[in-house]
Each structure stands twice: as structure tokens, then as C-alpha cells.
Amino acid sequence: MARYFFDLHDGHEFTDDREGVICDTLAELSDHAVSVLPDIAREELPGGPSRRFWIKVRDENGAYVFRASLALATAWLVENAGGRPQPGEDLKVAALRRTHEQVKAIRRDLAEDGLSLEMAEIDSLIGQAQIEAERMIKSLSQSQLTEHVAR
């Protein structure tokens, strides 16, 4: 039996576990981490259309040994519903923002797993996708601003 600490990040704040949980097996450790995430997500919502929650588990020596994450992403599929404009941003910009956040999360996971150097080629490609998404967001946002001013 060993004590493990389940540190939580809700996309905004980091909370470190000071008490920990005693787990008999590694399967029990992973099951506990995964089972906590939906409860945390329910407590924290609403907090925006897209949120990512994760738990990183530390052993008694302070070394991280496991990570579990839960991503929530919502999206409008139409500009108007029932004759009313949807309350979110432009569909293309919203899709690009979601893509950008997902790509960023993949890169963060690779880095946390210590695989960025070993998987340099894929990390480079993912980095390029992140840069391109940022460029397209700026471009779309600028063109929308120009259209709005022209009206």
C-alpha cells in the first residue's frame, strides 16, 4: 500500500493534494484519478464553452506517475437557430480556437510525458499546426473587423 497525491488543474487554477489517498494497486490509482474528473467538471461548469481538466498523480516521493484528463468542448453548428443568432463567435473562428487549444494540449502532453525530444518530428508538425491555427484566427478576426467597419 502506498499513498498517492492527486493534484488537480481545472484550466484556470492548480490545486495540490496535501492529504493523498492510499491505493493498494496501480489500477486503483488510475481508477480513482479517472473517476474524480467528471465530478470536478460538473462542479466547475459553466465556465465557458471549452474546458480541460486534468489530474496528475504524485507518489510519496513527489514524482508524477500518472495523468488523466477530461476535455469538454461545445460548438454551435449554425449561425442562426430558430431565427435567432447563436450567442457564440463566428463558426470558423470558434472552430479554429478549438483546434488551437487541442493542438496546444497535445504538445503539453508530449512535453509532460518527456517525449518532445524523442518525438521531435511529430512535435514540430504539431507546432506548425498550432502556429497556422493562430495565423488563421488572426486573419479571420481581422477580416471580420474590416467587414464590420465597412457596414
N, C-alpha and C. Protein backbone atom coordinates (compact mmCIF):
# COMPACT_ATOMS: atom_id res chain seq x y z
N MET A 1 0.85 -1.18 0.00
CA MET A 1 0.00 0.00 0.00
C MET A 1 0.88 1.24 0.00
N ALA A 2 0.47 2.20 -0.83
CA ALA A 2 1.22 3.45 -0.91
C ALA A 2 0.24 4.61 -0.99
N ARG A 3 0.71 5.76 -0.54
CA ARG A 3 -0.10 6.97 -0.60
C ARG A 3 0.26 7.74 -1.86
N TYR A 4 -0.78 8.16 -2.58
CA TYR A 4 -0.62 8.95 -3.80
C TYR A 4 -1.40 10.25 -3.65
N PHE A 5 -0.89 11.29 -4.31
CA PHE A 5 -1.48 12.62 -4.23
C PHE A 5 -2.02 13.02 -5.59
N PHE A 6 -3.26 13.46 -5.60
CA PHE A 6 -3.98 13.74 -6.84
C PHE A 6 -4.11 15.26 -7.02
N ASP A 7 -3.16 15.85 -7.73
CA ASP A 7 -3.16 17.29 -7.98
C ASP A 7 -4.11 17.59 -9.13
N LEU A 8 -4.87 18.66 -9.00
CA LEU A 8 -5.92 18.99 -9.96
C LEU A 8 -5.65 20.32 -10.63
N HIS A 9 -5.90 20.37 -11.93
CA HIS A 9 -5.87 21.62 -12.68
C HIS A 9 -7.18 21.70 -13.44
N ASP A 10 -7.90 22.81 -13.26
CA ASP A 10 -9.21 22.94 -13.90
C ASP A 10 -9.19 23.86 -15.11
N GLY A 11 -8.01 24.13 -15.64
CA GLY A 11 -7.89 25.04 -16.77
C GLY A 11 -7.61 26.46 -16.34
N HIS A 12 -7.85 26.75 -15.06
CA HIS A 12 -7.60 28.08 -14.53
C HIS A 12 -6.71 28.02 -13.28
N GLU A 13 -7.01 27.09 -12.40
CA GLU A 13 -6.30 27.01 -11.12
C GLU A 13 -5.70 25.62 -10.92
N PHE A 14 -4.59 25.60 -10.20
CA PHE A 14 -3.92 24.36 -9.83
C PHE A 14 -4.14 24.16 -8.34
N THR A 15 -4.55 22.97 -7.95
CA THR A 15 -4.75 22.63 -6.55
C THR A 15 -3.93 21.39 -6.24
N ASP A 16 -2.99 21.53 -5.32
CA ASP A 16 -2.21 20.35 -4.97
C ASP A 16 -2.85 19.62 -3.80
N ASP A 17 -2.84 18.32 -3.89
CA ASP A 17 -3.44 17.43 -2.89
C ASP A 17 -2.43 17.28 -1.75
N ARG A 18 -2.82 17.66 -0.56
CA ARG A 18 -1.92 17.57 0.60
C ARG A 18 -2.20 16.33 1.45
N GLU A 19 -3.35 15.69 1.24
CA GLU A 19 -3.71 14.53 2.05
C GLU A 19 -3.38 13.21 1.37
N GLY A 20 -3.71 13.11 0.10
CA GLY A 20 -3.45 11.89 -0.63
C GLY A 20 -4.45 10.80 -0.35
N VAL A 21 -4.31 9.72 -1.10
CA VAL A 21 -5.18 8.56 -0.98
C VAL A 21 -4.29 7.32 -1.00
N ILE A 22 -4.59 6.39 -0.13
CA ILE A 22 -3.84 5.14 -0.11
C ILE A 22 -4.44 4.22 -1.16
N CYS A 23 -3.60 3.72 -2.05
CA CYS A 23 -4.03 2.81 -3.12
C CYS A 23 -3.26 1.50 -2.99
N ASP A 24 -4.00 0.41 -3.07
CA ASP A 24 -3.38 -0.91 -2.98
C ASP A 24 -2.69 -1.30 -4.28
N THR A 25 -3.25 -0.84 -5.40
CA THR A 25 -2.69 -1.22 -6.71
C THR A 25 -2.62 0.00 -7.61
N LEU A 26 -1.85 -0.13 -8.67
CA LEU A 26 -1.77 0.95 -9.65
C LEU A 26 -3.10 1.10 -10.40
N ALA A 27 -3.80 0.01 -10.60
CA ALA A 27 -5.13 0.08 -11.23
C ALA A 27 -6.08 0.90 -10.36
N GLU A 28 -6.00 0.73 -9.05
CA GLU A 28 -6.82 1.51 -8.14
C GLU A 28 -6.47 3.00 -8.24
N LEU A 29 -5.20 3.30 -8.36
CA LEU A 29 -4.74 4.68 -8.53
C LEU A 29 -5.34 5.29 -9.79
N SER A 30 -5.22 4.60 -10.91
CA SER A 30 -5.74 5.15 -12.17
C SER A 30 -7.26 5.24 -12.15
N ASP A 31 -7.94 4.26 -11.58
CA ASP A 31 -9.40 4.30 -11.48
C ASP A 31 -9.86 5.49 -10.65
N HIS A 32 -9.16 5.77 -9.56
CA HIS A 32 -9.52 6.89 -8.71
C HIS A 32 -9.35 8.22 -9.47
N ALA A 33 -8.24 8.37 -10.15
CA ALA A 33 -7.98 9.61 -10.90
C ALA A 33 -9.05 9.83 -11.95
N VAL A 34 -9.39 8.80 -12.69
CA VAL A 34 -10.38 8.92 -13.76
C VAL A 34 -11.78 9.18 -13.18
N SER A 35 -12.11 8.56 -12.07
CA SER A 35 -13.46 8.72 -11.51
C SER A 35 -13.69 10.11 -10.93
N VAL A 36 -12.66 10.80 -10.54
CA VAL A 36 -12.79 12.13 -9.94
C VAL A 36 -13.07 13.20 -11.00
N LEU A 37 -12.56 13.03 -12.20
CA LEU A 37 -12.65 14.08 -13.23
C LEU A 37 -14.08 14.51 -13.57
N PRO A 38 -15.03 13.61 -13.81
CA PRO A 38 -16.39 14.08 -14.12
C PRO A 38 -17.01 14.90 -12.99
N ASP A 39 -16.73 14.53 -11.75
CA ASP A 39 -17.27 15.29 -10.62
C ASP A 39 -16.68 16.70 -10.58
N ILE A 40 -15.39 16.80 -10.83
CA ILE A 40 -14.73 18.11 -10.86
C ILE A 40 -15.31 18.96 -11.98
N ALA A 41 -15.49 18.36 -13.15
CA ALA A 41 -16.05 19.10 -14.29
C ALA A 41 -17.45 19.61 -13.98
N ARG A 42 -18.28 18.78 -13.36
CA ARG A 42 -19.64 19.22 -13.02
C ARG A 42 -19.61 20.39 -12.03
N GLU A 43 -18.71 20.36 -11.07
CA GLU A 43 -18.61 21.43 -10.08
C GLU A 43 -18.15 22.74 -10.70
N GLU A 44 -17.29 22.66 -11.70
CA GLU A 44 -16.67 23.86 -12.27
C GLU A 44 -17.47 24.50 -13.39
N LEU A 45 -18.42 23.80 -13.97
CA LEU A 45 -19.18 24.35 -15.08
C LEU A 45 -20.37 25.14 -14.57
N PRO A 46 -20.88 26.13 -15.22
CA PRO A 46 -20.37 26.60 -16.51
C PRO A 46 -19.17 27.52 -16.31
N GLY A 47 -18.27 27.43 -17.21
CA GLY A 47 -17.08 28.27 -17.15
C GLY A 47 -16.57 28.54 -18.53
N GLY A 48 -17.44 28.50 -19.50
CA GLY A 48 -17.04 28.73 -20.87
C GLY A 48 -17.39 27.54 -21.72
N PRO A 49 -17.32 27.72 -23.02
CA PRO A 49 -17.72 26.65 -23.93
C PRO A 49 -16.72 25.51 -24.03
N SER A 50 -15.50 25.72 -23.62
CA SER A 50 -14.48 24.68 -23.72
C SER A 50 -13.65 24.70 -22.45
N ARG A 51 -13.49 23.54 -21.87
CA ARG A 51 -12.68 23.43 -20.66
C ARG A 51 -11.91 22.12 -20.71
N ARG A 52 -10.79 22.11 -20.08
CA ARG A 52 -9.99 20.90 -19.95
C ARG A 52 -9.60 20.76 -18.49
N PHE A 53 -9.81 19.59 -17.95
CA PHE A 53 -9.49 19.30 -16.57
C PHE A 53 -8.48 18.16 -16.56
N TRP A 54 -7.51 18.23 -15.67
CA TRP A 54 -6.61 17.10 -15.57
C TRP A 54 -6.12 16.91 -14.15
N ILE A 55 -5.79 15.67 -13.87
CA ILE A 55 -5.24 15.27 -12.59
C ILE A 55 -3.87 14.66 -12.86
N LYS A 56 -2.91 15.10 -12.08
CA LYS A 56 -1.59 14.48 -12.13
C LYS A 56 -1.35 13.85 -10.77
N VAL A 57 -0.95 12.60 -10.79
CA VAL A 57 -0.79 11.84 -9.55
C VAL A 57 0.69 11.76 -9.18
N ARG A 58 0.97 12.15 -7.93
CA ARG A 58 2.34 12.09 -7.40
C ARG A 58 2.45 10.91 -6.44
N ASP A 59 3.64 10.30 -6.42
CA ASP A 59 3.89 9.27 -5.42
C ASP A 59 4.38 9.94 -4.14
N GLU A 60 4.72 9.14 -3.13
CA GLU A 60 5.15 9.68 -1.84
C GLU A 60 6.45 10.47 -1.93
N ASN A 61 7.23 10.23 -2.99
CA ASN A 61 8.49 10.96 -3.19
C ASN A 61 8.31 12.24 -3.99
N GLY A 62 7.09 12.51 -4.43
CA GLY A 62 6.82 13.73 -5.19
C GLY A 62 6.95 13.59 -6.69
N ALA A 63 7.25 12.39 -7.17
CA ALA A 63 7.39 12.17 -8.62
C ALA A 63 6.02 11.91 -9.23
N TYR A 64 5.73 12.58 -10.35
CA TYR A 64 4.47 12.33 -11.04
C TYR A 64 4.55 10.98 -11.74
N VAL A 65 3.48 10.17 -11.53
CA VAL A 65 3.47 8.81 -12.07
C VAL A 65 2.29 8.54 -13.00
N PHE A 66 1.29 9.43 -13.00
CA PHE A 66 0.10 9.18 -13.80
C PHE A 66 -0.60 10.50 -14.07
N ARG A 67 -1.25 10.58 -15.25
CA ARG A 67 -2.03 11.76 -15.59
C ARG A 67 -3.33 11.30 -16.23
N ALA A 68 -4.42 11.97 -15.89
CA ALA A 68 -5.71 11.73 -16.54
C ALA A 68 -6.29 13.09 -16.88
N SER A 69 -6.93 13.19 -18.04
CA SER A 69 -7.52 14.48 -18.41
C SER A 69 -8.91 14.26 -19.01
N LEU A 70 -9.68 15.32 -18.94
CA LEU A 70 -11.04 15.32 -19.48
C LEU A 70 -11.22 16.64 -20.20
N ALA A 71 -11.61 16.58 -21.46
CA ALA A 71 -11.83 17.79 -22.25
C ALA A 71 -13.31 17.93 -22.56
N LEU A 72 -13.80 19.15 -22.40
CA LEU A 72 -15.18 19.46 -22.76
C LEU A 72 -15.11 20.56 -23.80
N ALA A 73 -15.71 20.32 -24.94
CA ALA A 73 -15.75 21.33 -26.00
C ALA A 73 -17.16 21.38 -26.57
N THR A 74 -17.72 22.57 -26.61
CA THR A 74 -19.03 22.75 -27.20
C THR A 74 -18.88 23.61 -28.44
N ALA A 75 -19.81 23.48 -29.36
CA ALA A 75 -19.71 24.26 -30.59
C ALA A 75 -21.09 24.45 -31.20
N TRP A 76 -21.35 25.66 -31.66
CA TRP A 76 -22.55 25.93 -32.44
C TRP A 76 -22.31 25.40 -33.84
N LEU A 77 -23.30 24.77 -34.42
CA LEU A 77 -23.19 24.20 -35.76
C LEU A 77 -23.84 25.09 -36.81
N VAL A 78 -24.58 26.10 -36.34
CA VAL A 78 -25.27 27.02 -37.24
C VAL A 78 -25.07 28.44 -36.73
N GLU A 79 -25.17 29.41 -37.64
CA GLU A 79 -25.06 30.81 -37.24
C GLU A 79 -26.37 31.29 -36.60
N ASN A 80 -27.50 30.72 -37.06
CA ASN A 80 -28.81 31.10 -36.54
C ASN A 80 -29.58 29.83 -36.18
N ALA A 81 -30.29 29.91 -35.07
CA ALA A 81 -31.14 28.79 -34.66
C ALA A 81 -32.52 29.35 -34.31
N GLY A 82 -33.53 28.86 -34.99
CA GLY A 82 -34.89 29.33 -34.74
C GLY A 82 -35.06 30.81 -35.03
N GLY A 83 -34.30 31.29 -36.02
CA GLY A 83 -34.41 32.70 -36.40
C GLY A 83 -33.60 33.64 -35.52
N ARG A 84 -32.89 33.09 -34.54
CA ARG A 84 -32.08 33.93 -33.65
C ARG A 84 -30.60 33.60 -33.85
N PRO A 85 -29.74 34.62 -33.80
CA PRO A 85 -28.31 34.35 -33.93
C PRO A 85 -27.79 33.60 -32.71
N GLN A 86 -26.92 32.67 -32.95
CA GLN A 86 -26.32 31.93 -31.83
C GLN A 86 -25.44 32.90 -31.03
N PRO A 87 -25.31 32.68 -29.71
CA PRO A 87 -24.62 33.64 -28.86
C PRO A 87 -23.09 33.57 -28.90
N GLY A 88 -22.53 32.60 -29.61
CA GLY A 88 -21.08 32.46 -29.66
C GLY A 88 -20.46 33.28 -30.77
N GLU A 89 -19.18 33.05 -30.98
CA GLU A 89 -18.48 33.77 -32.03
C GLU A 89 -18.68 33.07 -33.38
N ASP A 90 -18.17 33.68 -34.43
CA ASP A 90 -18.24 33.14 -35.78
C ASP A 90 -17.83 31.66 -35.77
N LEU A 91 -18.53 30.84 -36.53
CA LEU A 91 -18.28 29.39 -36.52
C LEU A 91 -16.84 29.05 -36.91
N LYS A 92 -16.30 29.73 -37.91
CA LYS A 92 -14.93 29.43 -38.35
C LYS A 92 -13.91 29.80 -37.27
N VAL A 93 -14.08 30.97 -36.69
CA VAL A 93 -13.16 31.40 -35.63
C VAL A 93 -13.25 30.45 -34.44
N ALA A 94 -14.46 30.08 -34.05
CA ALA A 94 -14.64 29.16 -32.93
C ALA A 94 -13.98 27.81 -33.21
N ALA A 95 -14.13 27.31 -34.44
CA ALA A 95 -13.52 26.03 -34.80
C ALA A 95 -12.00 26.13 -34.74
N LEU A 96 -11.46 27.23 -35.22
CA LEU A 96 -10.01 27.42 -35.17
C LEU A 96 -9.51 27.54 -33.74
N ARG A 97 -10.26 28.23 -32.90
CA ARG A 97 -9.85 28.33 -31.48
C ARG A 97 -9.85 26.96 -30.81
N ARG A 98 -10.89 26.14 -31.09
CA ARG A 98 -10.92 24.79 -30.52
C ARG A 98 -9.73 23.99 -31.01
N THR A 99 -9.45 24.07 -32.31
CA THR A 99 -8.32 23.35 -32.88
C THR A 99 -7.02 23.79 -32.23
N HIS A 100 -6.86 25.09 -32.09
CA HIS A 100 -5.65 25.63 -31.48
C HIS A 100 -5.47 25.09 -30.06
N GLU A 101 -6.54 25.08 -29.27
CA GLU A 101 -6.47 24.59 -27.89
C GLU A 101 -6.15 23.09 -27.85
N GLN A 102 -6.74 22.32 -28.77
CA GLN A 102 -6.48 20.89 -28.79
C GLN A 102 -5.03 20.59 -29.17
N VAL A 103 -4.51 21.32 -30.14
CA VAL A 103 -3.12 21.14 -30.56
C VAL A 103 -2.18 21.52 -29.42
N LYS A 104 -2.50 22.62 -28.74
CA LYS A 104 -1.68 23.05 -27.61
C LYS A 104 -1.66 21.98 -26.52
N ALA A 105 -2.81 21.37 -26.28
CA ALA A 105 -2.90 20.32 -25.25
C ALA A 105 -2.06 19.10 -25.63
N ILE A 106 -2.04 18.74 -26.90
CA ILE A 106 -1.24 17.60 -27.35
C ILE A 106 0.25 17.89 -27.12
N ARG A 107 0.67 19.10 -27.47
CA ARG A 107 2.08 19.47 -27.27
C ARG A 107 2.44 19.47 -25.78
N ARG A 108 1.52 19.96 -24.94
CA ARG A 108 1.76 19.98 -23.49
C ARG A 108 1.90 18.54 -22.97
N ASP A 109 1.02 17.65 -23.45
CA ASP A 109 1.09 16.26 -23.02
C ASP A 109 2.41 15.62 -23.43
N LEU A 110 2.85 15.87 -24.66
CA LEU A 110 4.14 15.32 -25.10
C LEU A 110 5.27 15.82 -24.20
N ALA A 111 5.25 17.09 -23.88
CA ALA A 111 6.30 17.66 -23.03
C ALA A 111 6.24 17.06 -21.63
N GLU A 112 5.04 16.97 -21.05
CA GLU A 112 4.91 16.40 -19.71
C GLU A 112 5.34 14.94 -19.67
N ASP A 113 5.08 14.23 -20.75
CA ASP A 113 5.47 12.82 -20.81
C ASP A 113 6.96 12.65 -21.10
N GLY A 114 7.66 13.77 -21.33
CA GLY A 114 9.09 13.72 -21.61
C GLY A 114 9.40 13.17 -22.99
N LEU A 115 8.46 13.31 -23.92
CA LEU A 115 8.63 12.72 -25.25
C LEU A 115 8.89 13.75 -26.35
N SER A 116 8.94 15.03 -26.02
CA SER A 116 9.12 16.06 -27.05
C SER A 116 10.39 15.84 -27.85
N LEU A 117 11.48 15.52 -27.18
CA LEU A 117 12.75 15.32 -27.89
C LEU A 117 12.74 14.02 -28.69
N GLU A 118 12.22 12.96 -28.09
CA GLU A 118 12.18 11.66 -28.77
C GLU A 118 11.24 11.68 -29.97
N MET A 119 10.24 12.53 -29.91
CA MET A 119 9.27 12.62 -30.99
C MET A 119 9.34 14.01 -31.63
N ALA A 120 10.55 14.47 -31.86
CA ALA A 120 10.77 15.84 -32.35
C ALA A 120 10.04 16.11 -33.65
N GLU A 121 10.01 15.13 -34.56
CA GLU A 121 9.35 15.35 -35.85
C GLU A 121 7.87 15.62 -35.68
N ILE A 122 7.21 14.81 -34.85
CA ILE A 122 5.77 14.99 -34.66
C ILE A 122 5.50 16.26 -33.87
N ASP A 123 6.36 16.56 -32.88
CA ASP A 123 6.20 17.78 -32.11
C ASP A 123 6.35 19.00 -33.01
N SER A 124 7.28 18.93 -33.95
CA SER A 124 7.48 20.03 -34.90
C SER A 124 6.24 20.23 -35.78
N LEU A 125 5.69 19.13 -36.28
CA LEU A 125 4.47 19.22 -37.10
C LEU A 125 3.30 19.79 -36.29
N ILE A 126 3.17 19.34 -35.07
CA ILE A 126 2.10 19.84 -34.22
C ILE A 126 2.31 21.32 -33.93
N GLY A 127 3.56 21.71 -33.73
CA GLY A 127 3.87 23.12 -33.52
C GLY A 127 3.49 23.96 -34.72
N GLN A 128 3.74 23.44 -35.92
CA GLN A 128 3.37 24.16 -37.14
C GLN A 128 1.85 24.30 -37.23
N ALA A 129 1.12 23.26 -36.85
CA ALA A 129 -0.35 23.33 -36.85
C ALA A 129 -0.83 24.39 -35.86
N GLN A 130 -0.18 24.48 -34.73
CA GLN A 130 -0.54 25.48 -33.73
C GLN A 130 -0.30 26.89 -34.28
N ILE A 131 0.82 27.12 -34.91
CA ILE A 131 1.15 28.42 -35.50
C ILE A 131 0.16 28.77 -36.60
N GLU A 132 -0.15 27.79 -37.44
CA GLU A 132 -1.09 28.04 -38.55
C GLU A 132 -2.49 28.37 -38.04
N ALA A 133 -2.93 27.68 -37.00
CA ALA A 133 -4.24 27.98 -36.42
C ALA A 133 -4.25 29.40 -35.87
N GLU A 134 -3.19 29.81 -35.19
CA GLU A 134 -3.09 31.18 -34.67
C GLU A 134 -3.16 32.19 -35.81
N ARG A 135 -2.43 31.93 -36.89
CA ARG A 135 -2.41 32.83 -38.03
C ARG A 135 -3.81 32.96 -38.64
N MET A 136 -4.49 31.84 -38.79
CA MET A 136 -5.82 31.85 -39.39
C MET A 136 -6.83 32.56 -38.49
N ILE A 137 -6.71 32.40 -37.18
CA ILE A 137 -7.60 33.10 -36.25
C ILE A 137 -7.43 34.60 -36.41
N LYS A 138 -6.18 35.05 -36.43
CA LYS A 138 -5.90 36.48 -36.59
C LYS A 138 -6.43 36.99 -37.92
N SER A 139 -6.22 36.21 -38.97
CA SER A 139 -6.66 36.61 -40.30
C SER A 139 -8.19 36.72 -40.37
N LEU A 140 -8.87 35.71 -39.86
CA LEU A 140 -10.34 35.74 -39.86
C LEU A 140 -10.88 36.86 -38.98
N SER A 141 -10.29 37.02 -37.82
CA SER A 141 -10.74 38.08 -36.91
C SER A 141 -10.55 39.44 -37.55
N GLN A 142 -9.42 39.64 -38.22
CA GLN A 142 -9.14 40.92 -38.88
C GLN A 142 -10.12 41.16 -40.03
N SER A 143 -10.41 40.13 -40.84
CA SER A 143 -11.33 40.31 -41.95
C SER A 143 -12.75 40.58 -41.45
N GLN A 144 -13.14 39.96 -40.34
CA GLN A 144 -14.46 40.24 -39.75
C GLN A 144 -14.54 41.65 -39.24
N LEU A 145 -13.46 42.13 -38.63
CA LEU A 145 -13.42 43.50 -38.15
C LEU A 145 -13.54 44.47 -39.32
N THR A 146 -12.83 44.19 -40.40
CA THR A 146 -12.88 45.03 -41.60
C THR A 146 -14.29 45.05 -42.17
N GLU A 147 -14.95 43.87 -42.25
CA GLU A 147 -16.34 43.80 -42.74
C GLU A 147 -17.28 44.60 -41.86
N HIS A 148 -17.11 44.50 -40.55
CA HIS A 148 -17.97 45.19 -39.61
C HIS A 148 -17.83 46.71 -39.76
N VAL A 149 -16.59 47.19 -39.92
CA VAL A 149 -16.34 48.62 -40.08
C VAL A 149 -16.92 49.11 -41.40
N ALA A 150 -16.86 48.27 -42.44
CA ALA A 150 -17.37 48.66 -43.77
C ALA A 150 -18.89 48.83 -43.76
N ARG A 151 -19.57 48.12 -42.87
CA ARG A 151 -21.05 48.21 -42.80
C ARG A 151 -21.42 49.50 -42.22
